[in-house]
Amino acid sequence: MPPGPMNALPEADHAPSEVELTSLDLRYEDCRLKQAAIEEKLLGSIAERGMEAAVEGVEVAGRHVLLNGFKRLRCARKLGMSSVPYASLGRDEAVGIIALLRASQARSLSILEQAAFLDELKRAKGMSVGQIAVEVARSKAWVSLRLGLFSEMSVAVREKLFAGAFPVRAYLYTLRPFTRVTAGRKLVEAFVLAVSGRNLSAREIEQLAQGYFRGPAALRAEIDQGKLALVLEGCGEFERGMLRELEAADRSMHRVRKGSEDPRLSSGPFHAQAHVWTGGILRGADGFIAAVRRLHDRGRPT
């Protein structure tokens, strides 16, 4: 049965106390992102000053079910510590998760971590979107957005993102637009699996994604086979400049096509100037399309 109203934040059962690492239940570790760079800094801090903030969890069947503090826990293991300070958020998993979500900014939960915990409340704890929204003091739209984000990712993509093998920001802003259709989701999964764990920059991922989703099949095959250097480094400076021009032209074309019917384009001065520019574009359109077509045909696999 779904839990009843829990509008008040749960009070901690007691002040933080030391608990053995072996007593911690890590069933929610996959709901938290692994971030190697942050964890490395945290390791140095704990080695120098000790663990200054308690890990947090709930008490279930005699176990401390950890919800917050997995990075600190992994650091403690690396440093050979046998116990950590622990603060209880209560004796119910749903209540503990809601407490984290209501204080998600203070506890630095990313949108992906929020989405994972919300999915847990809906799928495993049987709560409706409306119930969740009330309990975490957010709007239904806030909850639905994150649940949608989580549901559109395949299990394989989630694993790569939460493991830190593929940057979350690159997924959200570069890949997510391609998940709007089923075929796109399959391609996104293939792309993530192909480039994960390669320590690529956001710009490199964007460059590869443009080739993968908008380029010829031969280029996609190169990326699927892990031949990323050929795509990233195989162009000369002039060629890279031309690719940037083509990317800009593609984006401009879509923006103009989408915005040209907007009713806000109504002033006389605008239409007078637009008439001049559109005239020049139309005069050069045939030659431009012919050049683009020739360039496109040269890229066909042989």
C-alpha atoms as a PDB file:
ATOM      1  CA  MET A   1       0.000   0.000   0.000  1.00  0.00           C
ATOM      2  CA  PRO A   2       1.232   3.534  -0.684  1.00  0.00           C
ATOM      3  CA  PRO A   3       2.385   5.378   2.419  1.00  0.00           C
ATOM      4  CA  GLY A   4       0.032   7.875   4.013  1.00  0.00           C
ATOM      5  CA  PRO A   5       0.606  11.622   4.410  1.00  0.00           C
ATOM      6  CA  MET A   6       4.111  12.493   5.562  1.00  0.00           C
ATOM      7  CA  ASN A   7       4.147  16.257   5.167  1.00  0.00           C
ATOM      8  CA  ALA A   8       6.461  16.953   8.083  1.00  0.00           C
ATOM      9  CA  LEU A   9      10.144  16.272   7.624  1.00  0.00           C
ATOM     10  CA  PRO A  10      11.204  13.322   9.773  1.00  0.00           C
ATOM     11  CA  GLU A  11      13.253  14.040  12.816  1.00  0.00           C
ATOM     12  CA  ALA A  12      16.500  12.144  13.218  1.00  0.00           C
ATOM     13  CA  ASP A  13      16.117   9.251  15.659  1.00  0.00           C
ATOM     14  CA  HIS A  14      19.262  10.319  17.484  1.00  0.00           C
ATOM     15  CA  ALA A  15      22.390  12.375  17.123  1.00  0.00           C
ATOM     16  CA  PRO A  16      25.021  11.002  14.732  1.00  0.00           C
ATOM     17  CA  SER A  17      26.828   7.963  16.107  1.00  0.00           C
ATOM     18  CA  GLU A  18      29.624   5.727  14.869  1.00  0.00           C
ATOM     19  CA  VAL A  19      28.474   2.615  13.005  1.00  0.00           C
ATOM     20  CA  GLU A  20      30.474  -0.227  11.471  1.00  0.00           C
ATOM     21  CA  LEU A  21      30.837  -0.170   7.693  1.00  0.00           C
ATOM     22  CA  THR A  22      29.647  -3.766   7.586  1.00  0.00           C
ATOM     23  CA  SER A  23      26.280  -2.730   9.076  1.00  0.00           C
ATOM     24  CA  LEU A  24      25.433  -0.419   6.155  1.00  0.00           C
ATOM     25  CA  ASP A  25      22.966  -1.620   3.506  1.00  0.00           C
ATOM     26  CA  LEU A  26      23.934  -0.178   0.093  1.00  0.00           C
ATOM     27  CA  ARG A  27      20.804  -1.021  -1.907  1.00  0.00           C
ATOM     28  CA  TYR A  28      20.440   2.623  -3.074  1.00  0.00           C
ATOM     29  CA  GLU A  29      24.026   3.114  -4.218  1.00  0.00           C
ATOM     30  CA  ASP A  30      22.933   2.932  -7.865  1.00  0.00           C
ATOM     31  CA  CYS A  31      20.678   5.973  -7.295  1.00  0.00           C
ATOM     32  CA  ARG A  32      23.705   8.198  -6.663  1.00  0.00           C
ATOM     33  CA  LEU A  33      26.238   9.402  -9.228  1.00  0.00           C
ATOM     34  CA  LYS A  34      29.864   8.351  -9.064  1.00  0.00           C
ATOM     35  CA  GLN A  35      32.139  11.340  -9.742  1.00  0.00           C
ATOM     36  CA  ALA A  36      35.799  10.380  -9.638  1.00  0.00           C
ATOM     37  CA  ALA A  37      37.224  13.916  -9.534  1.00  0.00           C
ATOM     38  CA  ILE A  38      35.004  15.006  -6.642  1.00  0.00           C
ATOM     39  CA  GLU A  39      35.668  11.767  -4.801  1.00  0.00           C
ATOM     40  CA  GLU A  40      39.433  12.213  -5.165  1.00  0.00           C
ATOM     41  CA  LYS A  41      39.264  15.650  -3.522  1.00  0.00           C
ATOM     42  CA  LEU A  42      37.010  14.288  -0.792  1.00  0.00           C
ATOM     43  CA  LEU A  43      39.474  11.485  -0.127  1.00  0.00           C
ATOM     44  CA  GLY A  44      42.248  14.006   0.545  1.00  0.00           C
ATOM     45  CA  SER A  45      40.001  16.056   2.809  1.00  0.00           C
ATOM     46  CA  ILE A  46      38.932  13.053   4.895  1.00  0.00           C
ATOM     47  CA  ALA A  47      42.514  11.810   5.131  1.00  0.00           C
ATOM     48  CA  GLU A  48      43.583  15.201   6.480  1.00  0.00           C
ATOM     49  CA  ARG A  49      40.676  16.200   8.720  1.00  0.00           C
ATOM     50  CA  GLY A  50      38.587  13.081   9.192  1.00  0.00           C
ATOM     51  CA  MET A  51      34.932  12.665   8.198  1.00  0.00           C
ATOM     52  CA  GLU A  52      33.257  15.928   9.157  1.00  0.00           C
ATOM     53  CA  ALA A  53      29.710  15.114   7.930  1.00  0.00           C
ATOM     54  CA  ALA A  54      27.726  12.029   8.849  1.00  0.00           C
ATOM     55  CA  VAL A  55      26.355   9.632   6.264  1.00  0.00           C
ATOM     56  CA  GLU A  56      22.546   9.341   6.374  1.00  0.00           C
ATOM     57  CA  GLY A  57      20.058   6.512   6.116  1.00  0.00           C
ATOM     58  CA  VAL A  58      17.024   4.786   7.572  1.00  0.00           C
ATOM     59  CA  GLU A  59      16.596   1.811   9.905  1.00  0.00           C
ATOM     60  CA  VAL A  60      15.053  -1.240   8.215  1.00  0.00           C
ATOM     61  CA  ALA A  61      15.031  -4.730   9.739  1.00  0.00           C
ATOM     62  CA  GLY A  62      18.029  -4.025  11.923  1.00  0.00           C
ATOM     63  CA  ARG A  63      20.104  -2.596   9.061  1.00  0.00           C
ATOM     64  CA  HIS A  64      21.250   0.959   8.354  1.00  0.00           C
ATOM     65  CA  VAL A  65      19.973   1.497   4.783  1.00  0.00           C
ATOM     66  CA  LEU A  66      22.233   4.199   3.370  1.00  0.00           C
ATOM     67  CA  LEU A  67      20.670   7.008   1.321  1.00  0.00           C
ATOM     68  CA  ASN A  68      23.271   9.768   1.424  1.00  0.00           C
ATOM     69  CA  GLY A  69      27.059   9.641   1.780  1.00  0.00           C
ATOM     70  CA  PHE A  70      28.192   6.936  -0.639  1.00  0.00           C
ATOM     71  CA  LYS A  71      31.249   8.946  -1.747  1.00  0.00           C
ATOM     72  CA  ARG A  72      32.301   9.345   1.882  1.00  0.00           C
ATOM     73  CA  LEU A  73      31.754   5.643   2.460  1.00  0.00           C
ATOM     74  CA  ARG A  74      33.987   4.670  -0.485  1.00  0.00           C
ATOM     75  CA  CYS A  75      36.653   7.083   0.776  1.00  0.00           C
ATOM     76  CA  ALA A  76      36.431   5.525   4.230  1.00  0.00           C
ATOM     77  CA  ARG A  77      37.053   2.104   2.724  1.00  0.00           C
ATOM     78  CA  LYS A  78      40.086   3.341   0.784  1.00  0.00           C
ATOM     79  CA  LEU A  79      41.499   4.840   3.975  1.00  0.00           C
ATOM     80  CA  GLY A  80      41.004   1.611   5.895  1.00  0.00           C
ATOM     81  CA  MET A  81      38.380   3.011   8.277  1.00  0.00           C
ATOM     82  CA  SER A  82      36.133   0.490   9.982  1.00  0.00           C
ATOM     83  CA  SER A  83      33.347   2.875  11.050  1.00  0.00           C
ATOM     84  CA  VAL A  84      31.763   6.191  10.016  1.00  0.00           C
ATOM     85  CA  PRO A  85      29.490   8.761  11.697  1.00  0.00           C
ATOM     86  CA  TYR A  86      25.879   7.965  10.818  1.00  0.00           C
ATOM     87  CA  ALA A  87      22.634   9.940  11.232  1.00  0.00           C
ATOM     88  CA  SER A  88      19.243   8.256  11.005  1.00  0.00           C
ATOM     89  CA  LEU A  89      16.421   9.830   8.976  1.00  0.00           C
ATOM     90  CA  GLY A  90      13.814   7.515  10.477  1.00  0.00           C
ATOM     91  CA  ARG A  91      12.544   3.973  10.108  1.00  0.00           C
ATOM     92  CA  ASP A  92      10.875   4.057   6.700  1.00  0.00           C
ATOM     93  CA  GLU A  93      12.599   4.129   3.312  1.00  0.00           C
ATOM     94  CA  ALA A  94       9.953   6.307   1.641  1.00  0.00           C
ATOM     95  CA  VAL A  95      10.096   8.853   4.466  1.00  0.00           C
ATOM     96  CA  GLY A  96      13.889   8.978   4.253  1.00  0.00           C
ATOM     97  CA  ILE A  97      13.856   9.440   0.471  1.00  0.00           C
ATOM     98  CA  ILE A  98      11.270  12.222   0.774  1.00  0.00           C
ATOM     99  CA  ALA A  99      13.462  13.949   3.368  1.00  0.00           C
ATOM    100  CA  LEU A 100      16.386  13.871   0.930  1.00  0.00           C
ATOM    101  CA  LEU A 101      14.279  15.204  -1.941  1.00  0.00           C
ATOM    102  CA  ARG A 102      12.809  18.021   0.142  1.00  0.00           C
ATOM    103  CA  ALA A 103      16.328  19.076   1.066  1.00  0.00           C
ATOM    104  CA  SER A 104      17.878  18.093  -2.277  1.00  0.00           C
ATOM    105  CA  GLN A 105      19.538  21.477  -2.851  1.00  0.00           C
ATOM    106  CA  ALA A 106      21.246  21.396   0.531  1.00  0.00           C
ATOM    107  CA  ARG A 107      22.370  17.825  -0.082  1.00  0.00           C
ATOM    108  CA  SER A 108      23.421  18.577  -3.681  1.00  0.00           C
ATOM    109  CA  LEU A 109      21.295  15.949  -5.408  1.00  0.00           C
ATOM    110  CA  SER A 110      21.621  16.246  -9.184  1.00  0.00           C
ATOM    111  CA  ILE A 111      18.525  16.148 -11.395  1.00  0.00           C
ATOM    112  CA  LEU A 112      19.401  12.557 -12.307  1.00  0.00           C
ATOM    113  CA  GLU A 113      19.640  11.496  -8.662  1.00  0.00           C
ATOM    114  CA  GLN A 114      16.342  13.222  -7.945  1.00  0.00           C
ATOM    115  CA  ALA A 115      14.835  11.326 -10.876  1.00  0.00           C
ATOM    116  CA  ALA A 116      16.109   7.979  -9.581  1.00  0.00           C
ATOM    117  CA  PHE A 117      14.671   8.517  -6.109  1.00  0.00           C
ATOM    118  CA  LEU A 118      11.353   9.757  -7.512  1.00  0.00           C
ATOM    119  CA  ASP A 119      11.156   6.631  -9.656  1.00  0.00           C
ATOM    120  CA  GLU A 120      11.748   4.564  -6.531  1.00  0.00           C
ATOM    121  CA  LEU A 121       8.836   6.285  -4.763  1.00  0.00           C
ATOM    122  CA  LYS A 122       6.503   5.767  -7.724  1.00  0.00           C
ATOM    123  CA  ARG A 123       7.535   2.325  -8.918  1.00  0.00           C
ATOM    124  CA  ALA A 124       8.605   0.518  -5.747  1.00  0.00           C
ATOM    125  CA  LYS A 125       6.685   2.400  -3.059  1.00  0.00           C
ATOM    126  CA  GLY A 126       3.426   2.736  -5.011  1.00  0.00           C
ATOM    127  CA  MET A 127       3.029   6.502  -4.703  1.00  0.00           C
ATOM    128  CA  SER A 128       1.217   8.561  -7.344  1.00  0.00           C
ATOM    129  CA  VAL A 129       2.685  11.662  -8.967  1.00  0.00           C
ATOM    130  CA  GLY A 130       0.224  13.770  -6.954  1.00  0.00           C
ATOM    131  CA  GLN A 131       1.217  12.155  -3.666  1.00  0.00           C
ATOM    132  CA  ILE A 132       4.890  12.572  -4.388  1.00  0.00           C
ATOM    133  CA  ALA A 133       4.457  16.233  -5.338  1.00  0.00           C
ATOM    134  CA  VAL A 134       2.695  16.967  -2.053  1.00  0.00           C
ATOM    135  CA  GLU A 135       5.249  15.106   0.061  1.00  0.00           C
ATOM    136  CA  VAL A 136       8.354  16.641  -1.527  1.00  0.00           C
ATOM    137  CA  ALA A 137       6.723  20.105  -1.618  1.00  0.00           C
ATOM    138  CA  ARG A 138       7.132  20.446  -5.386  1.00  0.00           C
ATOM    139  CA  SER A 139       4.764  20.808  -8.328  1.00  0.00           C
ATOM    140  CA  LYS A 140       3.440  17.854 -10.316  1.00  0.00           C
ATOM    141  CA  ALA A 141       5.321  19.237 -13.329  1.00  0.00           C
ATOM    142  CA  TRP A 142       8.605  19.124 -11.372  1.00  0.00           C
ATOM    143  CA  VAL A 143       7.990  15.484 -10.482  1.00  0.00           C
ATOM    144  CA  SER A 144       6.755  14.481 -13.954  1.00  0.00           C
ATOM    145  CA  LEU A 145       9.725  16.087 -15.700  1.00  0.00           C
ATOM    146  CA  ARG A 146      12.174  14.008 -13.683  1.00  0.00           C
ATOM    147  CA  LEU A 147      10.177  10.803 -13.960  1.00  0.00           C
ATOM    148  CA  GLY A 148      10.035  11.324 -17.733  1.00  0.00           C
ATOM    149  CA  LEU A 149      13.777  11.876 -17.873  1.00  0.00           C
ATOM    150  CA  PHE A 150      14.370   8.629 -16.013  1.00  0.00           C
ATOM    151  CA  SER A 151      11.878   6.534 -17.993  1.00  0.00           C
ATOM    152  CA  GLU A 152      13.270   7.554 -21.388  1.00  0.00           C
ATOM    153  CA  MET A 153      16.734   6.175 -20.561  1.00  0.00           C
ATOM    154  CA  SER A 154      17.511   2.517 -21.140  1.00  0.00           C
ATOM    155  CA  VAL A 155      19.014   0.496 -18.306  1.00  0.00           C
ATOM    156  CA  ALA A 156      22.370   0.447 -20.123  1.00  0.00           C
ATOM    157  CA  VAL A 157      22.416   4.250 -20.446  1.00  0.00           C
ATOM    158  CA  ARG A 158      21.491   4.707 -16.783  1.00  0.00           C
ATOM    159  CA  GLU A 159      24.324   2.426 -15.721  1.00  0.00           C
ATOM    160  CA  LYS A 160      26.895   4.407 -17.708  1.00  0.00           C
ATOM    161  CA  LEU A 161      25.633   7.755 -16.431  1.00  0.00           C
ATOM    162  CA  PHE A 162      25.470   6.750 -12.759  1.00  0.00           C
ATOM    163  CA  ALA A 163      28.845   5.014 -12.971  1.00  0.00           C
ATOM    164  CA  GLY A 164      30.414   8.268 -14.163  1.00  0.00           C
ATOM    165  CA  ALA A 165      31.483   6.721 -17.477  1.00  0.00           C
ATOM    166  CA  PHE A 166      29.515   9.274 -19.526  1.00  0.00           C
ATOM    167  CA  PRO A 167      28.994  12.920 -18.464  1.00  0.00           C
ATOM    168  CA  VAL A 168      25.440  13.702 -17.402  1.00  0.00           C
ATOM    169  CA  ARG A 169      25.548  17.218 -18.856  1.00  0.00           C
ATOM    170  CA  ALA A 170      26.502  15.863 -22.288  1.00  0.00           C
ATOM    171  CA  TYR A 171      23.572  13.449 -22.137  1.00  0.00           C
ATOM    172  CA  LEU A 172      21.079  16.124 -21.091  1.00  0.00           C
ATOM    173  CA  TYR A 173      22.075  18.813 -23.572  1.00  0.00           C
ATOM    174  CA  THR A 174      23.581  16.905 -26.504  1.00  0.00           C
ATOM    175  CA  LEU A 175      21.923  13.475 -26.631  1.00  0.00           C
ATOM    176  CA  ARG A 176      18.525  13.881 -25.017  1.00  0.00           C
ATOM    177  CA  PRO A 177      16.961  15.687 -28.020  1.00  0.00           C
ATOM    178  CA  PHE A 178      17.531  12.500 -30.036  1.00  0.00           C
ATOM    179  CA  THR A 179      15.435  10.366 -27.625  1.00  0.00           C
ATOM    180  CA  ARG A 180      12.086  11.738 -28.777  1.00  0.00           C
ATOM    181  CA  VAL A 181      11.458   8.681 -30.971  1.00  0.00           C
ATOM    182  CA  THR A 182      12.022   4.972 -30.271  1.00  0.00           C
ATOM    183  CA  ALA A 183      14.640   4.583 -32.994  1.00  0.00           C
ATOM    184  CA  GLY A 184      16.465   7.592 -31.547  1.00  0.00           C
ATOM    185  CA  ARG A 185      16.607   5.984 -28.114  1.00  0.00           C
ATOM    186  CA  LYS A 186      18.251   2.886 -29.560  1.00  0.00           C
ATOM    187  CA  LEU A 187      20.853   5.031 -31.328  1.00  0.00           C
ATOM    188  CA  VAL A 188      21.478   7.041 -28.147  1.00  0.00           C
ATOM    189  CA  GLU A 189      22.152   3.826 -26.239  1.00  0.00           C
ATOM    190  CA  ALA A 190      24.538   2.603 -28.942  1.00  0.00           C
ATOM    191  CA  PHE A 191      26.365   5.952 -28.933  1.00  0.00           C
ATOM    192  CA  VAL A 192      26.698   6.048 -25.134  1.00  0.00           C
ATOM    193  CA  LEU A 193      28.067   2.494 -25.068  1.00  0.00           C
ATOM    194  CA  ALA A 194      30.521   3.321 -27.869  1.00  0.00           C
ATOM    195  CA  VAL A 195      32.078   6.415 -26.273  1.00  0.00           C
ATOM    196  CA  SER A 196      31.708   5.817 -22.516  1.00  0.00           C
ATOM    197  CA  GLY A 197      34.833   5.666 -20.407  1.00  0.00           C
ATOM    198  CA  ARG A 198      36.998   7.469 -22.982  1.00  0.00           C
ATOM    199  CA  ASN A 199      37.478  10.690 -20.936  1.00  0.00           C
ATOM    200  CA  LEU A 200      36.110  12.836 -23.747  1.00  0.00           C
ATOM    201  CA  SER A 201      35.373  16.527 -23.347  1.00  0.00           C
ATOM    202  CA  ALA A 202      31.855  17.912 -23.847  1.00  0.00           C
ATOM    203  CA  ARG A 203      32.996  19.450 -27.143  1.00  0.00           C
ATOM    204  CA  GLU A 204      34.425  16.126 -28.369  1.00  0.00           C
ATOM    205  CA  ILE A 205      31.195  14.326 -27.458  1.00  0.00           C
ATOM    206  CA  GLU A 206      29.165  16.957 -29.287  1.00  0.00           C
ATOM    207  CA  GLN A 207      31.406  16.607 -32.349  1.00  0.00           C
ATOM    208  CA  LEU A 208      31.036  12.834 -32.344  1.00  0.00           C
ATOM    209  CA  ALA A 209      27.268  13.058 -31.779  1.00  0.00           C
ATOM    210  CA  GLN A 210      26.770  15.364 -34.744  1.00  0.00           C
ATOM    211  CA  GLY A 211      28.554  12.860 -36.964  1.00  0.00           C
ATOM    212  CA  TYR A 212      26.802   9.877 -35.405  1.00  0.00           C
ATOM    213  CA  PHE A 213      23.221  11.141 -35.622  1.00  0.00           C
ATOM    214  CA  ARG A 214      23.411  13.397 -38.666  1.00  0.00           C
ATOM    215  CA  GLY A 215      26.315  12.027 -40.678  1.00  0.00           C
ATOM    216  CA  PRO A 216      26.577   9.100 -43.108  1.00  0.00           C
ATOM    217  CA  ALA A 217      26.229   5.477 -42.014  1.00  0.00           C
ATOM    218  CA  ALA A 218      29.953   4.926 -42.596  1.00  0.00           C
ATOM    219  CA  LEU A 219      30.806   7.545 -39.966  1.00  0.00           C
ATOM    220  CA  ARG A 220      28.408   5.964 -37.485  1.00  0.00           C
ATOM    221  CA  ALA A 221      30.050   2.595 -38.090  1.00  0.00           C
ATOM    222  CA  GLU A 222      33.483   4.079 -37.316  1.00  0.00           C
ATOM    223  CA  ILE A 223      32.212   5.366 -33.964  1.00  0.00           C
ATOM    224  CA  ASP A 224      30.428   2.091 -33.151  1.00  0.00           C
ATOM    225  CA  GLN A 225      33.771   0.309 -33.687  1.00  0.00           C
ATOM    226  CA  GLY A 226      35.500   2.671 -31.286  1.00  0.00           C
ATOM    227  CA  LYS A 227      37.551   4.450 -33.956  1.00  0.00           C
ATOM    228  CA  LEU A 228      36.988   7.826 -32.358  1.00  0.00           C
ATOM    229  CA  ALA A 229      40.383   9.297 -33.176  1.00  0.00           C
ATOM    230  CA  LEU A 230      39.662   9.002 -36.892  1.00  0.00           C
ATOM    231  CA  VAL A 231      36.568  11.131 -36.419  1.00  0.00           C
ATOM    232  CA  LEU A 232      38.055  13.616 -33.954  1.00  0.00           C
ATOM    233  CA  GLU A 233      41.503  14.049 -35.484  1.00  0.00           C
ATOM    234  CA  GLY A 234      41.110  12.997 -39.107  1.00  0.00           C
ATOM    235  CA  CYS A 235      40.267  16.486 -40.411  1.00  0.00           C
ATOM    236  CA  GLY A 236      42.606  19.309 -41.300  1.00  0.00           C
ATOM    237  CA  GLU A 237      42.120  22.860 -40.026  1.00  0.00           C
ATOM    238  CA  PHE A 238      40.294  23.998 -43.174  1.00  0.00           C
ATOM    239  CA  GLU A 239      38.058  20.916 -43.011  1.00  0.00           C
ATOM    240  CA  ARG A 240      37.222  21.532 -39.357  1.00  0.00           C
ATOM    241  CA  GLY A 241      36.316  25.114 -40.256  1.00  0.00           C
ATOM    242  CA  MET A 242      34.022  23.914 -43.028  1.00  0.00           C
ATOM    243  CA  LEU A 243      32.324  21.493 -40.623  1.00  0.00           C
ATOM    244  CA  ARG A 244      31.672  24.390 -38.242  1.00  0.00           C
ATOM    245  CA  GLU A 245      30.178  26.394 -41.122  1.00  0.00           C
ATOM    246  CA  LEU A 246      27.926  23.493 -42.109  1.00  0.00           C
ATOM    247  CA  GLU A 247      26.810  23.071 -38.491  1.00  0.00           C
ATOM    248  CA  ALA A 248      26.010  26.800 -38.247  1.00  0.00           C
ATOM    249  CA  ALA A 249      24.124  26.720 -41.562  1.00  0.00           C
ATOM    250  CA  ASP A 250      22.080  23.743 -40.413  1.00  0.00           C
ATOM    251  CA  ARG A 251      21.133  25.439 -37.159  1.00  0.00           C
ATOM    252  CA  SER A 252      20.292  28.731 -38.890  1.00  0.00           C
ATOM    253  CA  MET A 253      18.142  26.954 -41.437  1.00  0.00           C
ATOM    254  CA  HIS A 254      16.072  25.288 -38.716  1.00  0.00           C
ATOM    255  CA  ARG A 255      15.719  28.492 -36.693  1.00  0.00           C
ATOM    256  CA  VAL A 256      14.624  30.544 -39.711  1.00  0.00           C
ATOM    257  CA  ARG A 257      12.170  27.888 -40.851  1.00  0.00           C
ATOM    258  CA  LYS A 258      10.653  27.650 -37.381  1.00  0.00           C
ATOM    259  CA  GLY A 259      10.529  31.386 -36.694  1.00  0.00           C
ATOM    260  CA  SER A 260       9.418  32.697 -40.064  1.00  0.00           C
ATOM    261  CA  GLU A 261       5.707  32.174 -39.324  1.00  0.00           C
ATOM    262  CA  ASP A 262       5.804  33.739 -35.873  1.00  0.00           C
ATOM    263  CA  PRO A 263       3.080  36.439 -35.588  1.00  0.00           C
ATOM    264  CA  ARG A 264       5.488  38.665 -33.680  1.00  0.00           C
ATOM    265  CA  LEU A 265       7.227  39.395 -37.007  1.00  0.00           C
ATOM    266  CA  SER A 266       4.827  42.224 -37.787  1.00  0.00           C
ATOM    267  CA  SER A 267       6.615  45.588 -37.937  1.00  0.00           C
ATOM    268  CA  GLY A 268       7.208  47.473 -41.163  1.00  0.00           C
ATOM    269  CA  PRO A 269      10.937  48.072 -40.489  1.00  0.00           C
ATOM    270  CA  PHE A 270      11.467  44.354 -39.919  1.00  0.00           C
ATOM    271  CA  HIS A 271       9.783  43.328 -43.161  1.00  0.00           C
ATOM    272  CA  ALA A 272      11.657  45.978 -45.131  1.00  0.00           C
ATOM    273  CA  GLN A 273      15.024  44.673 -43.928  1.00  0.00           C
ATOM    274  CA  ALA A 274      13.952  41.030 -44.136  1.00  0.00           C
ATOM    275  CA  HIS A 275      12.960  41.603 -47.760  1.00  0.00           C
ATOM    276  CA  VAL A 276      16.523  42.628 -48.581  1.00  0.00           C
ATOM    277  CA  TRP A 277      18.113  39.642 -46.846  1.00  0.00           C
ATOM    278  CA  THR A 278      15.637  37.071 -48.139  1.00  0.00           C
ATOM    279  CA  GLY A 279      16.134  38.401 -51.659  1.00  0.00           C
ATOM    280  CA  GLY A 280      19.861  37.782 -51.422  1.00  0.00           C
ATOM    281  CA  ILE A 281      19.272  34.313 -49.967  1.00  0.00           C
ATOM    282  CA  LEU A 282      16.829  33.385 -52.728  1.00  0.00           C
ATOM    283  CA  ARG A 283      19.207  34.572 -55.420  1.00  0.00           C
ATOM    284  CA  GLY A 284      21.932  32.356 -54.047  1.00  0.00           C
ATOM    285  CA  ALA A 285      19.713  29.443 -52.998  1.00  0.00           C
ATOM    286  CA  ASP A 286      20.089  27.343 -56.151  1.00  0.00           C
ATOM    287  CA  GLY A 287      23.874  27.574 -56.117  1.00  0.00           C
ATOM    288  CA  PHE A 288      24.000  26.912 -52.372  1.00  0.00           C
ATOM    289  CA  ILE A 289      21.791  23.818 -52.614  1.00  0.00           C
ATOM    290  CA  ALA A 290      23.832  22.525 -55.566  1.00  0.00           C
ATOM    291  CA  ALA A 291      27.086  22.929 -53.598  1.00  0.00           C
ATOM    292  CA  VAL A 292      25.607  21.238 -50.523  1.00  0.00           C
ATOM    293  CA  ARG A 293      24.290  18.378 -52.671  1.00  0.00           C
ATOM    294  CA  ARG A 294      27.728  17.831 -54.266  1.00  0.00           C
ATOM    295  CA  LEU A 295      29.377  17.846 -50.844  1.00  0.00           C
ATOM    296  CA  HIS A 296      26.755  15.444 -49.525  1.00  0.00           C
ATOM    297  CA  ASP A 297      27.236  13.049 -52.442  1.00  0.00           C
ATOM    298  CA  ARG A 298      31.019  13.038 -51.923  1.00  0.00           C
ATOM    299  CA  GLY A 299      30.430  11.763 -48.391  1.00  0.00           C
ATOM    300  CA  ARG A 300      28.449   8.703 -49.459  1.00  0.00           C
ATOM    301  CA  PRO A 301      30.112   5.395 -48.520  1.00  0.00           C
ATOM    302  CA  THR A 302      31.764   3.705 -51.511  1.00  0.00           C
END
